[in-house]
Protein backbone atom coordinates (compact mmCIF):
# COMPACT_ATOMS: atom_id res chain seq x y z
CA MET A 1 0.32 0.03 -0.11
CA ARG A 2 1.46 3.15 -0.64
CA VAL A 3 1.59 5.91 1.90
CA THR A 4 2.09 9.51 1.11
CA PHE A 5 4.83 11.44 3.04
CA GLY A 6 2.12 13.47 5.13
CA ARG A 7 0.09 10.44 5.96
CA TRP A 8 3.53 8.59 6.97
CA LEU A 9 4.80 11.53 9.10
CA ALA A 10 1.03 11.41 10.99
CA LEU A 11 1.55 7.59 11.56
CA CYS A 12 4.85 7.91 13.17
CA SER A 13 3.84 10.87 15.23
CA LEU A 14 0.98 9.05 16.09
CA ALA A 15 3.11 5.66 16.90
CA MET A 16 5.44 8.31 18.88
CA SER A 17 2.62 9.49 21.35
CA LEU A 18 1.21 6.15 21.60
CA GLY A 19 4.65 5.10 22.93
CA ILE A 20 5.10 8.23 25.51
CA ALA A 21 1.29 7.26 26.79
CA THR A 22 2.07 3.39 27.19
CA ALA A 23 5.54 5.06 29.19
CA SER A 24 3.73 7.57 31.13
CA ALA A 25 1.24 5.09 32.25
CA GLN A 26 4.30 2.35 33.15
CA ASP A 27 5.85 5.56 35.09
CA ALA A 28 2.40 6.26 36.77
CA GLY A 29 2.16 2.81 38.07
CA LYS A 30 5.29 3.50 40.36
CA LEU A 31 5.52 4.86 43.62
CA PRO A 32 6.95 8.22 43.49
CA VAL A 33 9.65 9.15 45.76
CA ARG A 34 11.12 12.60 46.65
CA VAL A 35 13.31 11.45 49.27
CA VAL A 36 14.92 8.00 50.71
CA VAL A 37 15.55 8.11 54.30
CA VAL A 38 18.51 5.56 54.84
CA THR A 39 19.28 4.57 58.56
CA THR A 40 21.53 1.55 59.06
CA PHE A 41 19.98 -0.83 62.26
CA GLU A 42 16.62 -1.04 64.23
CA LEU A 43 17.01 -2.86 67.81
CA GLY A 44 13.23 -4.20 67.75
CA GLN A 45 9.97 -3.10 66.18
CA ASP A 46 9.73 -0.08 64.02
CA THR A 47 7.35 1.65 66.89
CA GLY A 48 6.76 1.79 70.59
CA ASP A 49 10.18 -0.05 72.03
CA THR A 50 13.85 0.68 72.57
CA PRO A 51 14.75 2.68 69.50
CA GLY A 52 17.31 2.25 67.05
CA GLU A 53 18.15 5.09 64.15
CA PHE A 54 14.42 4.15 62.37
CA GLN A 55 12.31 4.51 64.94
CA ALA A 56 11.82 8.08 65.02
CA TRP A 57 11.58 8.60 61.47
CA VAL A 58 8.39 6.11 61.44
CA GLU A 59 6.86 7.75 64.50
CA ARG A 60 7.42 10.92 64.16
CA LEU A 61 7.82 12.36 60.38
CA PRO A 62 5.71 9.82 60.00
CA LEU A 63 6.43 6.74 57.76
CA PRO A 64 2.84 5.05 58.41
CA GLN A 65 3.09 2.55 55.26
CA THR A 66 4.94 -1.17 55.58
CA LEU A 67 6.08 -2.44 52.48
CA SER A 68 7.54 -5.82 51.79
CA PHE A 69 11.44 -6.12 51.00
CA PRO A 70 12.13 -9.51 50.92
CA LEU A 71 15.85 -8.54 49.63
CA GLY A 72 16.58 -6.42 52.08
CA ASN A 73 16.92 -7.02 55.95
CA ARG A 74 13.05 -5.64 57.10
CA PRO A 75 10.15 -4.34 55.71
CA LEU A 76 10.34 -0.68 54.01
CA ARG A 77 8.01 2.27 55.62
CA TYR A 78 6.23 4.55 53.13
CA ASN A 79 4.19 7.99 53.68
CA ALA A 80 2.37 8.43 50.36
CA GLU A 81 1.64 12.22 51.43
CA LYS A 82 4.93 13.36 51.55
CA GLN A 83 6.48 10.61 49.19
CA VAL A 84 9.31 9.50 51.35
CA LEU A 85 10.43 6.17 51.78
CA GLY A 86 12.42 4.94 54.69
CA ILE A 87 14.91 2.00 54.51
CA VAL A 88 17.07 0.02 57.39
CA THR A 89 20.19 -1.62 55.49
CA GLY A 90 21.45 -3.70 58.13
CA GLU A 91 24.78 -3.02 59.70
CA GLY A 92 28.27 -2.84 58.11
CA SER A 93 28.90 -1.88 54.45
CA LEU A 94 28.18 -5.45 52.71
CA ARG A 95 24.88 -5.82 54.00
CA ALA A 96 24.70 -1.68 53.17
CA ALA A 97 25.42 -2.30 49.63
CA ALA A 98 23.28 -4.96 49.19
CA SER A 99 20.12 -2.92 50.58
CA ILE A 100 20.42 -0.35 48.76
CA MET A 101 21.02 -2.46 45.43
CA ALA A 102 18.19 -3.99 46.15
CA LEU A 103 16.14 -0.91 46.91
CA GLY A 104 17.45 0.63 43.53
CA LEU A 105 16.46 -2.21 41.32
CA ASP A 106 13.21 -2.65 42.68
CA GLU A 107 10.35 -1.63 40.20
CA ARG A 108 7.78 -0.57 42.31
CA PHE A 109 9.41 2.88 42.98
CA ASP A 110 10.88 5.94 40.99
CA LEU A 111 13.95 6.65 42.42
CA SER A 112 14.96 9.22 39.63
CA LYS A 113 14.70 12.46 41.18
CA ALA A 114 14.92 11.49 44.51
CA TYR A 115 17.10 12.78 47.31
CA TRP A 116 19.03 10.16 49.67
CA LEU A 117 19.66 11.16 53.13
CA VAL A 118 21.72 9.14 55.64
CA PRO A 119 20.84 10.29 59.38
CA ALA A 120 22.92 7.89 61.29
CA ILE A 121 24.97 7.25 64.54
CA ALA A 122 28.73 7.31 64.84
CA GLY A 123 32.21 7.89 66.78
CA ILE A 124 33.17 11.17 66.58
CA ASP A 125 36.35 12.88 67.12
CA PRO A 126 36.94 15.32 70.24
CA THR A 127 39.14 17.53 67.99
CA TYR A 128 36.52 18.83 65.95
CA ALA A 129 33.23 18.27 68.28
CA SER A 130 31.21 16.90 71.15
CA VAL A 131 28.96 13.42 71.68
CA GLY A 132 25.50 14.43 70.65
CA SER A 133 26.78 16.60 68.08
CA ALA A 134 25.84 16.17 64.45
CA ALA A 135 28.17 16.34 61.16
CA TRP A 136 27.17 16.76 57.72
CA ALA A 137 29.88 15.32 55.38
CA GLU A 138 31.21 16.02 51.92
CA TRP A 139 33.73 13.55 52.05
CA ILE A 140 33.21 9.85 52.83
CA ILE A 141 36.74 8.20 53.02
CA ASP A 142 37.22 4.47 52.86
CA ARG A 143 39.77 3.00 55.27
CA ASP A 144 39.24 -0.75 54.43
CA LEU A 145 40.88 -0.90 50.83
CA ASN A 146 44.50 -0.83 51.64
CA PHE A 147 47.91 -3.11 52.58
CA GLU A 148 48.01 -3.81 56.34
CA ILE A 149 51.02 -4.52 58.21
CA ASP A 150 50.50 -5.55 61.93
CA ALA A 151 52.05 -2.97 64.06
CA ARG A 152 54.43 -5.36 65.66
CA GLU A 153 56.27 -5.87 62.11
CA ILE A 154 56.08 -2.02 61.28
CA PRO A 155 59.52 -0.27 60.42
CA PRO A 156 60.57 1.99 62.74
CA ASP A 157 60.26 5.21 60.63
CA TRP A 158 56.65 4.54 59.36
CA SER A 159 53.52 5.86 61.52
CA THR A 160 51.59 3.36 60.67
CA GLY A 161 51.09 -0.16 59.17
CA HIS A 162 48.32 0.71 56.68
CA ILE A 163 49.43 1.47 53.30
CA PRO A 164 47.36 2.49 50.11
CA LEU A 165 46.91 -0.10 47.12
CA GLY A 166 49.48 0.86 44.27
CA ARG A 167 51.93 2.34 46.92
CA SER A 168 54.72 1.12 49.11
CA ARG A 169 55.11 3.50 52.43
CA PRO A 170 52.59 5.00 53.96
CA PHE A 171 50.74 8.22 52.38
CA GLN A 172 53.12 8.09 49.96
CA PRO A 173 52.46 10.60 46.91
CA PRO A 174 51.17 10.98 44.40
CA THR A 175 47.66 10.29 46.27
CA PRO A 176 46.09 7.73 43.72
CA GLU A 177 42.60 8.90 42.31
CA LEU A 178 39.30 7.91 44.80
CA ASP A 179 37.96 6.05 41.92
CA ARG A 180 40.12 3.59 40.01
CA PRO A 181 39.95 0.00 38.19
CA ASN A 182 41.39 -1.73 41.41
CA GLY A 183 39.05 -0.05 44.21
CA VAL A 184 37.48 2.33 45.46
CA ASN A 185 38.88 5.32 48.15
CA GLY A 186 35.98 7.39 48.72
CA TYR A 187 33.26 9.43 47.04
CA HIS A 188 33.29 13.50 47.41
CA LEU A 189 29.45 14.75 48.02
CA ASN A 190 27.99 17.56 46.03
CA PRO A 191 29.58 20.37 48.04
CA GLY A 192 26.81 23.17 47.05
CA LEU A 193 23.98 20.64 48.59
CA VAL A 194 26.05 19.61 51.81
CA GLU A 195 26.62 23.20 52.40
CA TRP A 196 22.98 23.80 51.74
CA ALA A 197 21.53 21.23 53.84
CA TYR A 198 24.43 22.79 56.87
CA GLN A 199 22.85 26.28 56.11
CA LEU A 200 19.33 24.98 56.87
CA THR A 201 20.14 23.08 60.27
CA ARG A 202 23.19 25.06 61.50
CA ASN A 203 20.86 26.34 64.39
CA VAL A 204 18.80 23.32 65.45
CA HIS A 205 18.82 23.07 69.04
CA LEU A 206 20.27 19.92 70.28
CA ASP A 207 19.30 18.80 73.93
CA ASP A 208 22.50 18.98 76.28
CA THR A 209 21.66 16.07 79.31
CA PRO A 210 23.85 15.35 82.57
CA ALA A 211 24.90 12.10 80.95
CA LEU A 212 26.57 14.23 78.17
CA ARG A 213 28.27 16.52 80.17
CA ARG A 214 29.68 13.27 82.61
CA ILE A 215 31.11 11.92 79.40
CA ARG A 216 32.40 15.30 78.14
CA ALA A 217 33.98 15.81 81.91
CA GLY A 218 36.67 13.47 80.83
CA TYR A 219 38.19 15.39 77.74
CA ALA A 220 39.18 18.94 78.81
CA ARG A 221 42.15 18.94 76.43
CA TYR A 222 39.68 19.08 73.67
CA PRO A 223 37.88 22.50 73.82
CA ASN A 224 35.49 21.26 71.26
CA ALA A 225 34.55 18.13 73.08
CA LEU A 226 33.40 20.17 75.99
CA LYS A 227 31.30 22.23 73.88
CA PRO A 228 27.29 21.46 74.38
CA PRO A 229 25.93 19.56 71.24
CA PHE A 230 26.34 21.30 68.06
CA VAL A 231 25.69 21.04 64.07
CA LEU A 232 28.60 21.17 62.17
CA LYS A 233 30.36 20.60 58.85
CA GLY A 234 32.56 17.27 59.19
CA ASP A 235 33.61 14.52 57.24
CA GLU A 236 33.77 10.52 57.69
CA VAL A 237 36.36 8.08 57.47
CA SER A 238 34.35 4.57 56.82
CA ALA A 239 35.73 1.61 57.88
CA SER A 240 34.48 -2.30 58.72
CA ASP A 241 36.49 -2.21 62.06
CA TRP A 242 35.26 -0.61 65.33
CA TRP A 243 38.68 1.14 65.76
CA LEU A 244 39.50 3.17 68.78
CA GLY A 245 42.52 4.92 70.09
CA GLU A 246 44.68 8.01 69.64
CA ARG A 247 47.16 5.98 67.23
CA MET A 248 43.78 5.32 65.19
CA ASN A 249 42.65 8.20 65.27
CA THR A 250 45.68 10.27 64.32
CA LEU A 251 45.46 7.41 61.32
CA ALA A 252 42.08 8.49 60.48
CA GLN A 253 42.91 12.10 60.40
CA ARG A 254 45.87 11.69 58.29
CA TRP A 255 43.70 9.05 56.04
CA MET A 256 41.08 11.54 55.27
CA ALA A 257 43.96 14.61 54.31
CA TYR A 258 45.98 12.11 52.34
CA TRP A 259 43.28 11.11 49.88
CA SER A 260 41.12 14.35 50.10
CA GLY A 261 43.83 16.63 48.81
CA GLY A 262 43.75 18.16 52.32
CA GLN A 263 40.24 19.44 51.58
CA GLY A 264 38.12 16.91 54.56
CA ARG A 265 38.15 16.72 58.01
CA ALA A 266 38.02 13.31 59.58
CA VAL A 267 34.97 14.48 62.04
CA THR A 268 33.08 10.85 62.44
CA THR A 269 34.03 7.28 61.67
CA ALA A 270 31.06 4.91 60.82
CA MET A 271 31.07 1.57 58.49
CA GLU A 272 28.06 1.65 56.05
CA ASP A 273 28.62 4.91 53.69
CA CYS A 274 30.74 3.96 51.44
CA GLY A 275 28.68 0.37 50.81
CA ILE A 276 25.67 2.64 50.15
CA LEU A 277 27.76 5.14 47.74
CA THR A 278 29.27 2.07 45.94
CA SER A 279 25.54 0.93 45.26
CA LEU A 280 24.38 4.33 44.17
CA ALA A 281 27.12 5.43 42.45
CA ALA A 282 26.49 2.25 40.09
CA LEU A 283 22.83 2.78 40.01
CA SER A 284 23.61 6.06 38.64
CA ARG A 285 25.14 4.83 35.72
CA ALA A 286 22.08 3.16 34.80
CA HIS A 287 20.35 6.47 35.51
CA ARG A 288 17.97 5.30 38.29
CA VAL A 289 19.09 7.54 40.93
CA ARG A 290 20.85 10.88 40.68
CA LEU A 291 24.68 10.70 42.55
CA ASP A 292 24.11 14.57 43.34
CA ARG A 293 21.47 14.31 45.67
CA ILE A 294 23.26 12.47 48.48
CA LEU A 295 23.61 13.76 51.89
CA VAL A 296 24.86 12.06 55.07
CA LEU A 297 24.22 13.26 58.46
CA ARG A 298 26.44 11.40 61.06
CA THR A 299 25.69 11.82 64.99
CA GLY A 300 28.03 11.26 67.44
CA SER A 301 26.91 8.40 70.14
CA ASP A 302 30.83 8.19 71.66
CA TYR A 303 34.22 9.61 71.05
CA THR A 304 37.01 7.72 69.33
CA VAL A 305 39.74 8.61 71.90
CA PRO A 306 39.53 7.54 75.92
CA ALA A 307 39.23 10.11 78.23
CA SER A 308 41.50 11.23 80.82
CA GLY A 309 42.52 8.47 82.87
CA GLN A 310 40.81 6.04 80.79
CA SER A 311 42.80 3.34 78.81
CA VAL A 312 41.55 2.39 75.29
CA ALA A 313 40.78 -1.22 76.44
CA GLN A 314 38.55 0.59 79.30
CA LEU A 315 36.66 2.22 76.57
CA LEU A 316 35.90 -0.22 74.31
CA ALA A 317 34.73 -1.95 77.52
CA SER A 318 32.28 0.79 78.41
CA GLU A 319 31.23 1.10 74.55
CA ALA A 320 30.83 -3.16 74.27
CA ALA A 321 28.57 -3.07 77.39
CA GLU A 322 26.53 -0.25 76.27
CA ASP A 323 26.07 1.34 79.27
CA ALA A 324 23.63 4.50 79.19
CA SER A 325 25.09 5.88 81.83
CA LEU A 326 28.46 6.55 80.03
CA SER A 327 26.91 6.06 76.33
CA ALA A 328 25.74 8.93 74.49
CA PHE A 329 23.39 6.58 72.04
CA MET A 330 20.03 8.18 72.78
CA PRO A 331 21.00 11.74 72.24
CA ALA A 332 22.62 10.87 69.02
CA LEU A 333 19.51 8.85 67.67
CA GLU A 334 17.45 12.39 68.65
CA ALA A 335 20.17 14.32 66.84
CA ALA A 336 20.13 12.64 63.58
CA TYR A 337 16.01 13.31 63.44
CA ARG A 338 16.40 16.80 65.18
CA VAL A 339 18.74 17.90 62.40
CA GLY A 340 17.98 15.15 59.30
CA SER A 341 13.77 16.11 59.17
CA PRO A 342 13.96 19.72 58.27
CA ILE A 343 15.94 18.81 55.35
CA VAL A 344 13.56 15.82 54.52
CA ASN A 345 10.35 18.06 55.11
CA GLU A 346 11.57 21.37 53.16
CA LEU A 347 12.35 18.53 50.16
CA ALA A 348 9.10 16.91 50.17
CA ALA A 349 7.23 19.88 50.96
CA ASN A 350 8.38 22.31 48.30
CA TRP A 351 8.58 19.53 45.61
CA ALA A 352 7.85 21.82 42.63
CA ARG A 353 11.07 23.68 43.36
CA TYR A 354 13.50 20.69 43.92
CA ALA A 355 12.34 18.13 41.45
CA GLU A 356 14.36 19.47 39.09
CA GLN A 357 16.78 22.03 40.44
CA THR A 358 19.23 20.40 43.18
CA PRO A 359 19.79 23.22 45.93
CA ALA A 360 22.88 24.67 46.95
CA ALA A 361 23.83 26.91 49.25
CA LYS A 362 23.47 31.00 47.72
């Protein structure tokens, strides 16, 4: 059958419009997500008992709807009005990476424009801040990927037994690229978005408590550690081992400086964030998520070094026992929600402004 050019063009236009309509119908079947709140653990139920990182978000944001998530560690939670999704990844970088990849590939959700917030607790360096404080990170540096020599066998002129892959001495120049064929040693988050989040929350009030004051009293040699909890910008060294002590703390500070080119400050230490970011980076290459829309907020539940008159072993014993009188665990949980929730609510409530344009500090 002969078809004139005009009719052919009309048929092509019709076919294209039908294709667009079909794609739109498919997209309409997905749950829209404006913000994903990524927590790493919960102690019991999502509500009504001793809380972990997730409970405040479920009860107070709130996240009323429960969604099955068989590939993850526990069900997801969702707020349909705000279009906010909540996940508990599980502790450690391996579970975190697996959970985020499973979520990113879940066809129930449209995550293409979503912002990601990781509000979680961490160890905190008393050089920079006090327990109960909240730090927005721009640099997330991995400390697991390295050569390591036992401390009893390192050469006497070395400061550490941790050596970057591809180098033969500690902190040997030039610094390798963060992302290279034999591994990834960290991520640099969108600095404009991080600054925007910090400016929006820098004056959020964080409660001081008698327990926090008792903990701080042992850190008189650190002026910032004596301050009541506050909001700051501070970066994270991410590692699967929960390290403690002055020497390990100095290593973290130097490791951050080495990999960030002197731009980062090692304020917090945690386990999951390089795993989370590795999955998000892969998902961004498939255009499923936006890598420039990630925020990491870590809050200090414990100091990374002992108090005056305390040994590293004693600090470890106190943290392992989770003695509430010696722990900033509950204030850190509260700080994560109190500082993180204004960001979630701002993005969700003003989606027309932020859906296409990622915010940055003016």
